[in-house]
PDB file of all heavy atoms in Angstrom:
ATOM      1  N   TYR A   1      -1.887  -9.066   1.534  1.00  0.00           N
ATOM      2  CA  TYR A   1      -1.959  -7.993   2.491  1.00  0.00           C
ATOM      3  C   TYR A   1      -1.890  -8.453   3.877  1.00  0.00           C
ATOM      4  O   TYR A   1      -2.366  -9.554   4.222  1.00  0.00           O
ATOM      5  CB  TYR A   1      -3.307  -7.164   2.310  1.00  0.00           C
ATOM      6  CG  TYR A   1      -3.532  -6.693   0.937  1.00  0.00           C
ATOM      7  CD1 TYR A   1      -4.244  -7.391   0.003  1.00  0.00           C
ATOM      8  CD2 TYR A   1      -2.955  -5.471   0.456  1.00  0.00           C
ATOM      9  CE1 TYR A   1      -4.417  -6.903  -1.311  1.00  0.00           C
ATOM     10  CE2 TYR A   1      -3.164  -5.015  -0.749  1.00  0.00           C
ATOM     11  CZ  TYR A   1      -3.910  -5.700  -1.717  1.00  0.00           C
ATOM     12  OH  TYR A   1      -4.127  -5.221  -2.952  1.00  0.00           O
ATOM     13  N   VAL A   2      -1.357  -7.646   4.742  1.00  0.00           N
ATOM     14  CA  VAL A   2      -1.473  -7.862   6.172  1.00  0.00           C
ATOM     15  C   VAL A   2      -2.995  -7.769   6.562  1.00  0.00           C
ATOM     16  O   VAL A   2      -3.642  -6.979   6.043  1.00  0.00           O
ATOM     17  CB  VAL A   2      -0.559  -6.958   6.936  1.00  0.00           C
ATOM     18  CG1 VAL A   2      -1.073  -5.519   6.899  1.00  0.00           C
ATOM     19  CG2 VAL A   2      -0.397  -7.413   8.402  1.00  0.00           C
ATOM     20  N   ASN A   3      -3.348  -8.522   7.563  1.00  0.00           N
ATOM     21  CA  ASN A   3      -4.730  -8.508   7.948  1.00  0.00           C
ATOM     22  C   ASN A   3      -5.335  -7.117   8.296  1.00  0.00           C
ATOM     23  O   ASN A   3      -6.483  -6.810   7.990  1.00  0.00           O
ATOM     24  CB  ASN A   3      -5.013  -9.425   9.073  1.00  0.00           C
ATOM     25  CG  ASN A   3      -4.965 -10.888   8.726  1.00  0.00           C
ATOM     26  OD1 ASN A   3      -5.119 -11.222   7.582  1.00  0.00           O
ATOM     27  ND2 ASN A   3      -4.694 -11.785   9.649  1.00  0.00           N
ATOM     28  N   SER A   4      -4.520  -6.276   8.894  1.00  0.00           N
ATOM     29  CA  SER A   4      -4.974  -4.979   9.373  1.00  0.00           C
ATOM     30  C   SER A   4      -5.367  -4.041   8.247  1.00  0.00           C
ATOM     31  O   SER A   4      -6.037  -3.073   8.522  1.00  0.00           O
ATOM     32  CB  SER A   4      -3.962  -4.332  10.248  1.00  0.00           C
ATOM     33  OG  SER A   4      -2.698  -4.175   9.566  1.00  0.00           O
ATOM     34  N   VAL A   5      -4.918  -4.272   6.993  1.00  0.00           N
ATOM     35  CA  VAL A   5      -5.310  -3.402   5.903  1.00  0.00           C
ATOM     36  C   VAL A   5      -6.139  -4.059   4.869  1.00  0.00           C
ATOM     37  O   VAL A   5      -6.537  -3.388   3.835  1.00  0.00           O
ATOM     38  CB  VAL A   5      -4.004  -2.807   5.178  1.00  0.00           C
ATOM     39  CG1 VAL A   5      -3.119  -2.108   6.288  1.00  0.00           C
ATOM     40  CG2 VAL A   5      -3.283  -3.872   4.386  1.00  0.00           C
ATOM     41  N   LYS A   6      -6.457  -5.341   5.063  1.00  0.00           N
ATOM     42  CA  LYS A   6      -7.257  -6.027   4.054  1.00  0.00           C
ATOM     43  C   LYS A   6      -8.654  -5.396   3.919  1.00  0.00           C
ATOM     44  O   LYS A   6      -9.337  -5.041   4.906  1.00  0.00           O
ATOM     45  CB  LYS A   6      -7.459  -7.519   4.489  1.00  0.00           C
ATOM     46  CG  LYS A   6      -6.303  -8.372   4.203  1.00  0.00           C
ATOM     47  CD  LYS A   6      -6.525  -9.821   4.556  1.00  0.00           C
ATOM     48  CE  LYS A   6      -5.340 -10.671   4.321  1.00  0.00           C
ATOM     49  NZ  LYS A   6      -5.512 -12.087   4.702  1.00  0.00           N
ATOM     50  N   GLY A   7      -9.033  -5.146   2.641  1.00  0.00           N
ATOM     51  CA  GLY A   7     -10.310  -4.481   2.393  1.00  0.00           C
ATOM     52  C   GLY A   7     -10.164  -2.938   2.319  1.00  0.00           C
ATOM     53  O   GLY A   7     -11.092  -2.273   1.868  1.00  0.00           O
ATOM     54  N   ARG A   8      -9.052  -2.384   2.723  1.00  0.00           N
ATOM     55  CA  ARG A   8      -8.792  -0.968   2.723  1.00  0.00           C
ATOM     56  C   ARG A   8      -7.606  -0.550   1.782  1.00  0.00           C
ATOM     57  O   ARG A   8      -7.543   0.578   1.408  1.00  0.00           O
ATOM     58  CB  ARG A   8      -8.501  -0.426   4.054  1.00  0.00           C
ATOM     59  CG  ARG A   8      -9.635  -0.725   5.045  1.00  0.00           C
ATOM     60  CD  ARG A   8      -9.427  -0.008   6.423  1.00  0.00           C
ATOM     61  NE  ARG A   8      -8.216  -0.459   7.066  1.00  0.00           N
ATOM     62  CZ  ARG A   8      -7.149   0.276   7.347  1.00  0.00           C
ATOM     63  NH1 ARG A   8      -7.144   1.613   6.965  1.00  0.00           N
ATOM     64  NH2 ARG A   8      -6.088  -0.173   7.952  1.00  0.00           N
ATOM     65  N   ALA A   9      -6.760  -1.437   1.460  1.00  0.00           N
ATOM     66  CA  ALA A   9      -5.519  -1.172   0.686  1.00  0.00           C
ATOM     67  C   ALA A   9      -5.513  -1.959  -0.538  1.00  0.00           C
ATOM     68  O   ALA A   9      -5.977  -3.131  -0.640  1.00  0.00           O
ATOM     69  CB  ALA A   9      -4.278  -1.457   1.541  1.00  0.00           C
ATOM     70  N   THR A  10      -4.887  -1.385  -1.602  1.00  0.00           N
ATOM     71  CA  THR A  10      -4.707  -2.043  -2.834  1.00  0.00           C
ATOM     72  C   THR A  10      -3.365  -1.808  -3.424  1.00  0.00           C
ATOM     73  O   THR A  10      -3.026  -0.639  -3.628  1.00  0.00           O
ATOM     74  CB  THR A  10      -5.760  -1.646  -3.936  1.00  0.00           C
ATOM     75  OG1 THR A  10      -7.104  -1.827  -3.417  1.00  0.00           O
ATOM     76  CG2 THR A  10      -5.578  -2.363  -5.234  1.00  0.00           C
ATOM     77  N   ILE A  11      -2.539  -2.818  -3.520  1.00  0.00           N
ATOM     78  CA  ILE A  11      -1.230  -2.726  -4.111  1.00  0.00           C
ATOM     79  C   ILE A  11      -1.356  -2.948  -5.600  1.00  0.00           C
ATOM     80  O   ILE A  11      -2.026  -3.864  -6.041  1.00  0.00           O
ATOM     81  CB  ILE A  11      -0.198  -3.627  -3.418  1.00  0.00           C
ATOM     82  CG1 ILE A  11       1.260  -3.351  -3.990  1.00  0.00           C
ATOM     83  CG2 ILE A  11      -0.549  -5.066  -3.602  1.00  0.00           C
ATOM     84  CD1 ILE A  11       2.364  -4.107  -3.179  1.00  0.00           C
ATOM     85  N   SER A  12      -0.571  -2.195  -6.366  1.00  0.00           N
ATOM     86  CA  SER A  12      -0.664  -2.422  -7.840  1.00  0.00           C
ATOM     87  C   SER A  12       0.746  -2.002  -8.376  1.00  0.00           C
ATOM     88  O   SER A  12       1.563  -1.476  -7.771  1.00  0.00           O
ATOM     89  CB  SER A  12      -1.854  -1.568  -8.506  1.00  0.00           C
ATOM     90  OG  SER A  12      -1.594  -0.221  -8.274  1.00  0.00           O
ATOM     91  N   ARG A  13       0.880  -2.239  -9.757  1.00  0.00           N
ATOM     92  CA  ARG A  13       2.080  -1.889 -10.347  1.00  0.00           C
ATOM     93  C   ARG A  13       1.918  -1.540 -11.800  1.00  0.00           C
ATOM     94  O   ARG A  13       0.950  -2.018 -12.453  1.00  0.00           O
ATOM     95  CB  ARG A  13       3.181  -3.051 -10.313  1.00  0.00           C
ATOM     96  CG  ARG A  13       2.761  -4.332 -11.015  1.00  0.00           C
ATOM     97  CD  ARG A  13       3.660  -5.507 -10.626  1.00  0.00           C
ATOM     98  NE  ARG A  13       5.041  -5.221 -11.013  1.00  0.00           N
ATOM     99  CZ  ARG A  13       6.100  -5.801 -10.454  1.00  0.00           C
ATOM    100  NH1 ARG A  13       5.919  -6.652  -9.451  1.00  0.00           N
ATOM    101  NH2 ARG A  13       7.331  -5.446 -10.828  1.00  0.00           N
ATOM    102  N   ASP A  14       2.668  -0.611 -12.306  1.00  0.00           N
ATOM    103  CA  ASP A  14       2.709  -0.226 -13.717  1.00  0.00           C
ATOM    104  C   ASP A  14       4.037  -0.460 -14.249  1.00  0.00           C
ATOM    105  O   ASP A  14       4.964   0.407 -14.052  1.00  0.00           O
ATOM    106  CB  ASP A  14       2.235   1.283 -13.852  1.00  0.00           C
ATOM    107  CG  ASP A  14       2.073   1.687 -15.303  1.00  0.00           C
ATOM    108  OD1 ASP A  14       2.640   0.995 -16.150  1.00  0.00           O
ATOM    109  OD2 ASP A  14       1.309   2.701 -15.464  1.00  0.00           O
ATOM    110  N   ASN A  15       4.269  -1.600 -14.921  1.00  0.00           N
ATOM    111  CA  ASN A  15       5.585  -1.937 -15.325  1.00  0.00           C
ATOM    112  C   ASN A  15       6.082  -0.925 -16.438  1.00  0.00           C
ATOM    113  O   ASN A  15       7.364  -0.768 -16.463  1.00  0.00           O
ATOM    114  CB  ASN A  15       5.591  -3.343 -15.909  1.00  0.00           C
ATOM    115  CG  ASN A  15       5.378  -4.415 -14.839  1.00  0.00           C
ATOM    116  OD1 ASN A  15       5.660  -4.140 -13.667  1.00  0.00           O
ATOM    117  ND2 ASN A  15       4.950  -5.567 -15.247  1.00  0.00           N
ATOM    118  N   ALA A  16       5.238  -0.358 -17.142  1.00  0.00           N
ATOM    119  CA  ALA A  16       5.649   0.707 -18.178  1.00  0.00           C
ATOM    120  C   ALA A  16       6.271   1.825 -17.510  1.00  0.00           C
ATOM    121  O   ALA A  16       7.140   2.554 -18.136  1.00  0.00           O
ATOM    122  CB  ALA A  16       4.558   1.038 -19.074  1.00  0.00           C
ATOM    123  N   LYS A  17       5.876   2.213 -16.289  1.00  0.00           N
ATOM    124  CA  LYS A  17       6.352   3.306 -15.574  1.00  0.00           C
ATOM    125  C   LYS A  17       7.384   2.916 -14.467  1.00  0.00           C
ATOM    126  O   LYS A  17       7.852   3.802 -13.798  1.00  0.00           O
ATOM    127  CB  LYS A  17       5.208   4.082 -14.849  1.00  0.00           C
ATOM    128  CG  LYS A  17       4.262   4.707 -15.870  1.00  0.00           C
ATOM    129  CD  LYS A  17       3.199   5.479 -15.141  1.00  0.00           C
ATOM    130  CE  LYS A  17       2.246   6.193 -16.167  1.00  0.00           C
ATOM    131  NZ  LYS A  17       1.213   7.012 -15.415  1.00  0.00           N
ATOM    132  N   ASN A  18       7.706   1.614 -14.360  1.00  0.00           N
ATOM    133  CA  ASN A  18       8.603   1.166 -13.284  1.00  0.00           C
ATOM    134  C   ASN A  18       8.157   1.642 -11.930  1.00  0.00           C
ATOM    135  O   ASN A  18       8.995   2.122 -11.089  1.00  0.00           O
ATOM    136  CB  ASN A  18      10.018   1.613 -13.551  1.00  0.00           C
ATOM    137  CG  ASN A  18      10.731   0.794 -14.655  1.00  0.00           C
ATOM    138  OD1 ASN A  18      10.045  -0.065 -15.305  1.00  0.00           O
ATOM    139  ND2 ASN A  18      11.938   1.098 -14.988  1.00  0.00           N
ATOM    140  N   THR A  19       6.854   1.603 -11.658  1.00  0.00           N
ATOM    141  CA  THR A  19       6.339   2.200 -10.423  1.00  0.00           C
ATOM    142  C   THR A  19       5.346   1.214  -9.829  1.00  0.00           C
ATOM    143  O   THR A  19       4.489   0.606 -10.516  1.00  0.00           O
ATOM    144  CB  THR A  19       5.623   3.555 -10.743  1.00  0.00           C
ATOM    145  OG1 THR A  19       6.580   4.473 -11.335  1.00  0.00           O
ATOM    146  CG2 THR A  19       5.068   4.164  -9.459  1.00  0.00           C
ATOM    147  N   ALA A  20       5.439   1.112  -8.534  1.00  0.00           N
ATOM    148  CA  ALA A  20       4.412   0.357  -7.708  1.00  0.00           C
ATOM    149  C   ALA A  20       3.667   1.384  -6.872  1.00  0.00           C
ATOM    150  O   ALA A  20       4.109   2.479  -6.602  1.00  0.00           O
ATOM    151  CB  ALA A  20       5.128  -0.596  -6.744  1.00  0.00           C
ATOM    152  N   TYR A  21       2.358   0.999  -6.545  1.00  0.00           N
ATOM    153  CA  TYR A  21       1.529   1.913  -5.815  1.00  0.00           C
ATOM    154  C   TYR A  21       0.825   1.160  -4.667  1.00  0.00           C
ATOM    155  O   TYR A  21       0.781  -0.025  -4.613  1.00  0.00           O
ATOM    156  CB  TYR A  21       0.386   2.395  -6.756  1.00  0.00           C
ATOM    157  CG  TYR A  21       0.807   3.100  -7.993  1.00  0.00           C
ATOM    158  CD1 TYR A  21       0.995   2.366  -9.172  1.00  0.00           C
ATOM    159  CD2 TYR A  21       1.109   4.408  -7.963  1.00  0.00           C
ATOM    160  CE1 TYR A  21       1.374   2.968 -10.370  1.00  0.00           C
ATOM    161  CE2 TYR A  21       1.542   5.056  -9.175  1.00  0.00           C
ATOM    162  CZ  TYR A  21       1.673   4.211 -10.390  1.00  0.00           C
ATOM    163  OH  TYR A  21       2.063   4.894 -11.479  1.00  0.00           O
ATOM    164  N   LEU A  22       0.501   1.925  -3.656  1.00  0.00           N
ATOM    165  CA  LEU A  22      -0.345   1.451  -2.603  1.00  0.00           C
ATOM    166  C   LEU A  22      -1.428   2.465  -2.391  1.00  0.00           C
ATOM    167  O   LEU A  22      -1.261   3.602  -1.884  1.00  0.00           O
ATOM    168  CB  LEU A  22       0.436   1.296  -1.258  1.00  0.00           C
ATOM    169  CG  LEU A  22      -0.378   0.688  -0.102  1.00  0.00           C
ATOM    170  CD1 LEU A  22      -0.689  -0.738  -0.406  1.00  0.00           C
ATOM    171  CD2 LEU A  22       0.444   0.806   1.157  1.00  0.00           C
ATOM    172  N   GLN A  23      -2.662   2.095  -2.791  1.00  0.00           N
ATOM    173  CA  GLN A  23      -3.823   2.852  -2.510  1.00  0.00           C
ATOM    174  C   GLN A  23      -4.406   2.473  -1.198  1.00  0.00           C
ATOM    175  O   GLN A  23      -4.730   1.331  -0.969  1.00  0.00           O
ATOM    176  CB  GLN A  23      -4.909   2.645  -3.679  1.00  0.00           C
ATOM    177  CG  GLN A  23      -6.277   3.345  -3.389  1.00  0.00           C
ATOM    178  CD  GLN A  23      -6.158   4.774  -3.612  1.00  0.00           C
ATOM    179  OE1 GLN A  23      -5.514   5.249  -4.508  1.00  0.00           O
ATOM    180  NE2 GLN A  23      -6.795   5.532  -2.741  1.00  0.00           N
ATOM    181  N   MET A  24      -4.560   3.516  -0.310  1.00  0.00           N
ATOM    182  CA  MET A  24      -5.121   3.217   1.043  1.00  0.00           C
ATOM    183  C   MET A  24      -6.391   4.088   1.240  1.00  0.00           C
ATOM    184  O   MET A  24      -6.350   5.313   1.123  1.00  0.00           O
ATOM    185  CB  MET A  24      -4.118   3.490   2.096  1.00  0.00           C
ATOM    186  CG  MET A  24      -2.859   2.604   1.953  1.00  0.00           C
ATOM    187  SD  MET A  24      -1.879   2.604   3.471  1.00  0.00           S
ATOM    188  CE  MET A  24      -1.579   4.369   3.713  1.00  0.00           C
ATOM    189  N   ASN A  25      -7.481   3.394   1.554  1.00  0.00           N
ATOM    190  CA  ASN A  25      -8.757   4.036   1.806  1.00  0.00           C
ATOM    191  C   ASN A  25      -9.103   3.798   3.298  1.00  0.00           C
ATOM    192  O   ASN A  25      -8.577   2.995   3.991  1.00  0.00           O
ATOM    193  CB  ASN A  25      -9.852   3.509   0.881  1.00  0.00           C
ATOM    194  CG  ASN A  25      -9.534   3.624  -0.480  1.00  0.00           C
ATOM    195  OD1 ASN A  25      -8.968   4.656  -0.951  1.00  0.00           O
ATOM    196  ND2 ASN A  25      -9.815   2.659  -1.389  1.00  0.00           N
ATOM    197  N   SER A  26     -10.187   4.529   3.719  1.00  0.00           N
ATOM    198  CA  SER A  26     -10.675   4.432   5.096  1.00  0.00           C
ATOM    199  C   SER A  26      -9.584   4.388   6.099  1.00  0.00           C
ATOM    200  O   SER A  26      -9.485   3.579   6.999  1.00  0.00           O
ATOM    201  CB  SER A  26     -11.517   3.128   5.260  1.00  0.00           C
ATOM    202  OG  SER A  26     -12.548   3.154   4.257  1.00  0.00           O
ATOM    203  N   LEU A  27      -8.690   5.391   5.995  1.00  0.00           N
ATOM    204  CA  LEU A  27      -7.467   5.454   6.838  1.00  0.00           C
ATOM    205  C   LEU A  27      -7.863   5.589   8.299  1.00  0.00           C
ATOM    206  O   LEU A  27      -8.778   6.338   8.607  1.00  0.00           O
ATOM    207  CB  LEU A  27      -6.561   6.518   6.388  1.00  0.00           C
ATOM    208  CG  LEU A  27      -5.740   6.158   5.073  1.00  0.00           C
ATOM    209  CD1 LEU A  27      -5.200   7.358   4.364  1.00  0.00           C
ATOM    210  CD2 LEU A  27      -4.636   5.155   5.441  1.00  0.00           C
ATOM    211  N   LYS A  28      -7.043   4.972   9.158  1.00  0.00           N
ATOM    212  CA  LYS A  28      -7.223   4.992  10.621  1.00  0.00           C
ATOM    213  C   LYS A  28      -5.951   5.595  11.259  1.00  0.00           C
ATOM    214  O   LYS A  28      -4.872   5.530  10.598  1.00  0.00           O
ATOM    215  CB  LYS A  28      -7.422   3.620  11.197  1.00  0.00           C
ATOM    216  CG  LYS A  28      -8.601   2.851  10.479  1.00  0.00           C
ATOM    217  CD  LYS A  28      -8.625   1.399  11.013  1.00  0.00           C
ATOM    218  CE  LYS A  28      -9.755   0.642  10.354  1.00  0.00           C
ATOM    219  NZ  LYS A  28      -9.801  -0.778  10.900  1.00  0.00           N
ATOM    220  N   PRO A  29      -6.131   6.181  12.433  1.00  0.00           N
ATOM    221  CA  PRO A  29      -4.857   6.649  13.099  1.00  0.00           C
ATOM    222  C   PRO A  29      -3.799   5.587  13.239  1.00  0.00           C
ATOM    223  O   PRO A  29      -2.629   5.898  13.244  1.00  0.00           O
ATOM    224  CB  PRO A  29      -5.376   7.067  14.463  1.00  0.00           C
ATOM    225  CG  PRO A  29      -6.839   7.487  14.237  1.00  0.00           C
ATOM    226  CD  PRO A  29      -7.310   6.507  13.155  1.00  0.00           C
ATOM    227  N   GLU A  30      -4.262   4.294  13.369  1.00  0.00           N
ATOM    228  CA  GLU A  30      -3.276   3.216  13.471  1.00  0.00           C
ATOM    229  C   GLU A  30      -2.387   3.017  12.151  1.00  0.00           C
ATOM    230  O   GLU A  30      -1.446   2.374  12.249  1.00  0.00           O
ATOM    231  CB  GLU A  30      -3.948   1.866  13.810  1.00  0.00           C
ATOM    232  CG  GLU A  30      -4.859   2.040  15.008  1.00  0.00           C
ATOM    233  CD  GLU A  30      -6.320   2.313  14.692  1.00  0.00           C
ATOM    234  OE1 GLU A  30      -7.065   1.390  14.388  1.00  0.00           O
ATOM    235  OE2 GLU A  30      -6.605   3.552  14.640  1.00  0.00           O
ATOM    236  N   ASP A  31      -2.800   3.597  11.044  1.00  0.00           N
ATOM    237  CA  ASP A  31      -2.060   3.577   9.862  1.00  0.00           C
ATOM    238  C   ASP A  31      -0.917   4.549   9.848  1.00  0.00           C
ATOM    239  O   ASP A  31      -0.129   4.516   8.921  1.00  0.00           O
ATOM    240  CB  ASP A  31      -2.986   3.843   8.650  1.00  0.00           C
ATOM    241  CG  ASP A  31      -4.040   2.724   8.464  1.00  0.00           C
ATOM    242  OD1 ASP A  31      -3.720   1.506   8.659  1.00  0.00           O
ATOM    243  OD2 ASP A  31      -5.207   3.108   8.146  1.00  0.00           O
ATOM    244  N   THR A  32      -0.810   5.384  10.816  1.00  0.00           N
ATOM    245  CA  THR A  32       0.205   6.446  10.845  1.00  0.00           C
ATOM    246  C   THR A  32       1.554   5.715  10.940  1.00  0.00           C
ATOM    247  O   THR A  32       1.791   4.957  11.825  1.00  0.00           O
ATOM    248  CB  THR A  32       0.024   7.319  11.986  1.00  0.00           C
ATOM    249  OG1 THR A  32      -1.142   8.126  11.843  1.00  0.00           O
ATOM    250  CG2 THR A  32       1.181   8.313  12.155  1.00  0.00           C
ATOM    251  N   ALA A  33       2.460   6.020  10.022  1.00  0.00           N
ATOM    252  CA  ALA A  33       3.712   5.432   9.904  1.00  0.00           C
ATOM    253  C   ALA A  33       4.533   5.940   8.744  1.00  0.00           C
ATOM    254  O   ALA A  33       3.965   6.687   7.920  1.00  0.00           O
ATOM    255  CB  ALA A  33       3.589   3.895   9.729  1.00  0.00           C
ATOM    256  N   VAL A  34       5.829   5.701   8.717  1.00  0.00           N
ATOM    257  CA  VAL A  34       6.544   5.925   7.537  1.00  0.00           C
ATOM    258  C   VAL A  34       6.465   4.614   6.641  1.00  0.00           C
ATOM    259  O   VAL A  34       6.664   3.537   7.124  1.00  0.00           O
ATOM    260  CB  VAL A  34       8.072   6.158   7.826  1.00  0.00           C
ATOM    261  CG1 VAL A  34       8.824   6.372   6.500  1.00  0.00           C
ATOM    262  CG2 VAL A  34       8.161   7.384   8.701  1.00  0.00           C
ATOM    263  N   TYR A  35       6.129   4.855   5.416  1.00  0.00           N
ATOM    264  CA  TYR A  35       5.890   3.723   4.458  1.00  0.00           C
ATOM    265  C   TYR A  35       7.054   3.600   3.493  1.00  0.00           C
ATOM    266  O   TYR A  35       7.473   4.601   2.959  1.00  0.00           O
ATOM    267  CB  TYR A  35       4.540   3.975   3.669  1.00  0.00           C
ATOM    268  CG  TYR A  35       3.305   3.653   4.540  1.00  0.00           C
ATOM    269  CD1 TYR A  35       2.971   4.503   5.560  1.00  0.00           C
ATOM    270  CD2 TYR A  35       2.489   2.530   4.201  1.00  0.00           C
ATOM    271  CE1 TYR A  35       1.833   4.254   6.300  1.00  0.00           C
ATOM    272  CE2 TYR A  35       1.415   2.225   5.046  1.00  0.00           C
ATOM    273  CZ  TYR A  35       1.119   3.136   6.079  1.00  0.00           C
ATOM    274  OH  TYR A  35       0.030   2.886   6.818  1.00  0.00           O
ATOM    275  N   TYR A  36       7.529   2.397   3.293  1.00  0.00           N
ATOM    276  CA  TYR A  36       8.677   2.069   2.484  1.00  0.00           C
ATOM    277  C   TYR A  36       8.298   1.065   1.435  1.00  0.00           C
ATOM    278  O   TYR A  36       7.390   0.178   1.655  1.00  0.00           O
ATOM    279  CB  TYR A  36       9.788   1.527   3.313  1.00  0.00           C
ATOM    280  CG  TYR A  36      10.269   2.328   4.465  1.00  0.00           C
ATOM    281  CD1 TYR A  36       9.678   2.293   5.684  1.00  0.00           C
ATOM    282  CD2 TYR A  36      11.336   3.197   4.252  1.00  0.00           C
ATOM    283  CE1 TYR A  36      10.115   3.044   6.761  1.00  0.00           C
ATOM    284  CE2 TYR A  36      11.844   3.959   5.281  1.00  0.00           C
ATOM    285  CZ  TYR A  36      11.187   3.882   6.529  1.00  0.00           C
ATOM    286  OH  TYR A  36      11.696   4.641   7.558  1.00  0.00           O
ATOM    287  N   CYS A  37       8.955   1.042   0.286  1.00  0.00           N
ATOM    288  CA  CYS A  37       8.835   0.033  -0.687  1.00  0.00           C
ATOM    289  C   CYS A  37      10.210  -0.551  -0.997  1.00  0.00           C
ATOM    290  O   CYS A  37      11.209   0.077  -0.803  1.00  0.00           O
ATOM    291  CB  CYS A  37       8.141   0.569  -2.005  1.00  0.00           C
ATOM    292  SG  CYS A  37       9.138   1.692  -2.922  1.00  0.00           S
ATOM    293  N   LYS A  38      10.198  -1.813  -1.442  1.00  0.00           N
ATOM    294  CA  LYS A  38      11.388  -2.467  -1.904  1.00  0.00           C
ATOM    295  C   LYS A  38      11.038  -3.719  -2.632  1.00  0.00           C
ATOM    296  O   LYS A  38       9.870  -4.147  -2.631  1.00  0.00           O
ATOM    297  CB  LYS A  38      12.302  -2.801  -0.667  1.00  0.00           C
ATOM    298  CG  LYS A  38      11.767  -3.839   0.242  1.00  0.00           C
ATOM    299  CD  LYS A  38      12.701  -4.183   1.401  1.00  0.00           C
ATOM    300  CE  LYS A  38      13.947  -4.927   0.884  1.00  0.00           C
ATOM    301  NZ  LYS A  38      13.759  -6.225   0.327  1.00  0.00           N
ATOM    302  N   ARG A  39      12.052  -4.262  -3.310  1.00  0.00           N
ATOM    303  CA  ARG A  39      11.838  -5.592  -3.910  1.00  0.00           C
ATOM    304  C   ARG A  39      11.543  -6.593  -2.790  1.00  0.00           C
ATOM    305  O   ARG A  39      12.232  -6.637  -1.757  1.00  0.00           O
ATOM    306  CB  ARG A  39      13.061  -6.032  -4.734  1.00  0.00           C
ATOM    307  CG  ARG A  39      13.297  -5.202  -5.937  1.00  0.00           C
ATOM    308  CD  ARG A  39      14.300  -5.784  -6.895  1.00  0.00           C
ATOM    309  NE  ARG A  39      15.686  -5.795  -6.252  1.00  0.00           N
ATOM    310  CZ  ARG A  39      16.736  -6.301  -6.763  1.00  0.00           C
ATOM    311  NH1 ARG A  39      16.682  -6.841  -8.046  1.00  0.00           N
ATOM    312  NH2 ARG A  39      17.896  -6.263  -6.163  1.00  0.00           N
ATOM    313  N   TYR A  40      10.535  -7.422  -3.057  1.00  0.00           N
ATOM    314  CA  TYR A  40      10.184  -8.458  -2.039  1.00  0.00           C
ATOM    315  C   TYR A  40      11.173  -9.627  -2.071  1.00  0.00           C
ATOM    316  O   TYR A  40      11.413 -10.194  -3.187  1.00  0.00           O
ATOM    317  CB  TYR A  40       8.740  -8.917  -2.250  1.00  0.00           C
ATOM    318  CG  TYR A  40       8.292  -9.882  -1.192  1.00  0.00           C
ATOM    319  CD1 TYR A  40       8.199  -9.503   0.130  1.00  0.00           C
ATOM    320  CD2 TYR A  40       7.954 -11.169  -1.491  1.00  0.00           C
ATOM    321  CE1 TYR A  40       7.732 -10.385   1.078  1.00  0.00           C
ATOM    322  CE2 TYR A  40       7.514 -12.054  -0.608  1.00  0.00           C
ATOM    323  CZ  TYR A  40       7.399 -11.643   0.719  1.00  0.00           C
ATOM    324  OH  TYR A  40       6.922 -12.483   1.716  1.00  0.00           O
TER     325      TYR A  40
END
């Protein structure tokens, strides 16, 4: 994780569903953005 979201975000994946997730808690105004996913 990038330092700014450590402790607040959890990335996970469900291979059976071909889906990745980003759980974000304790959200801050600085988290406001368009969020994208892609193969790393």
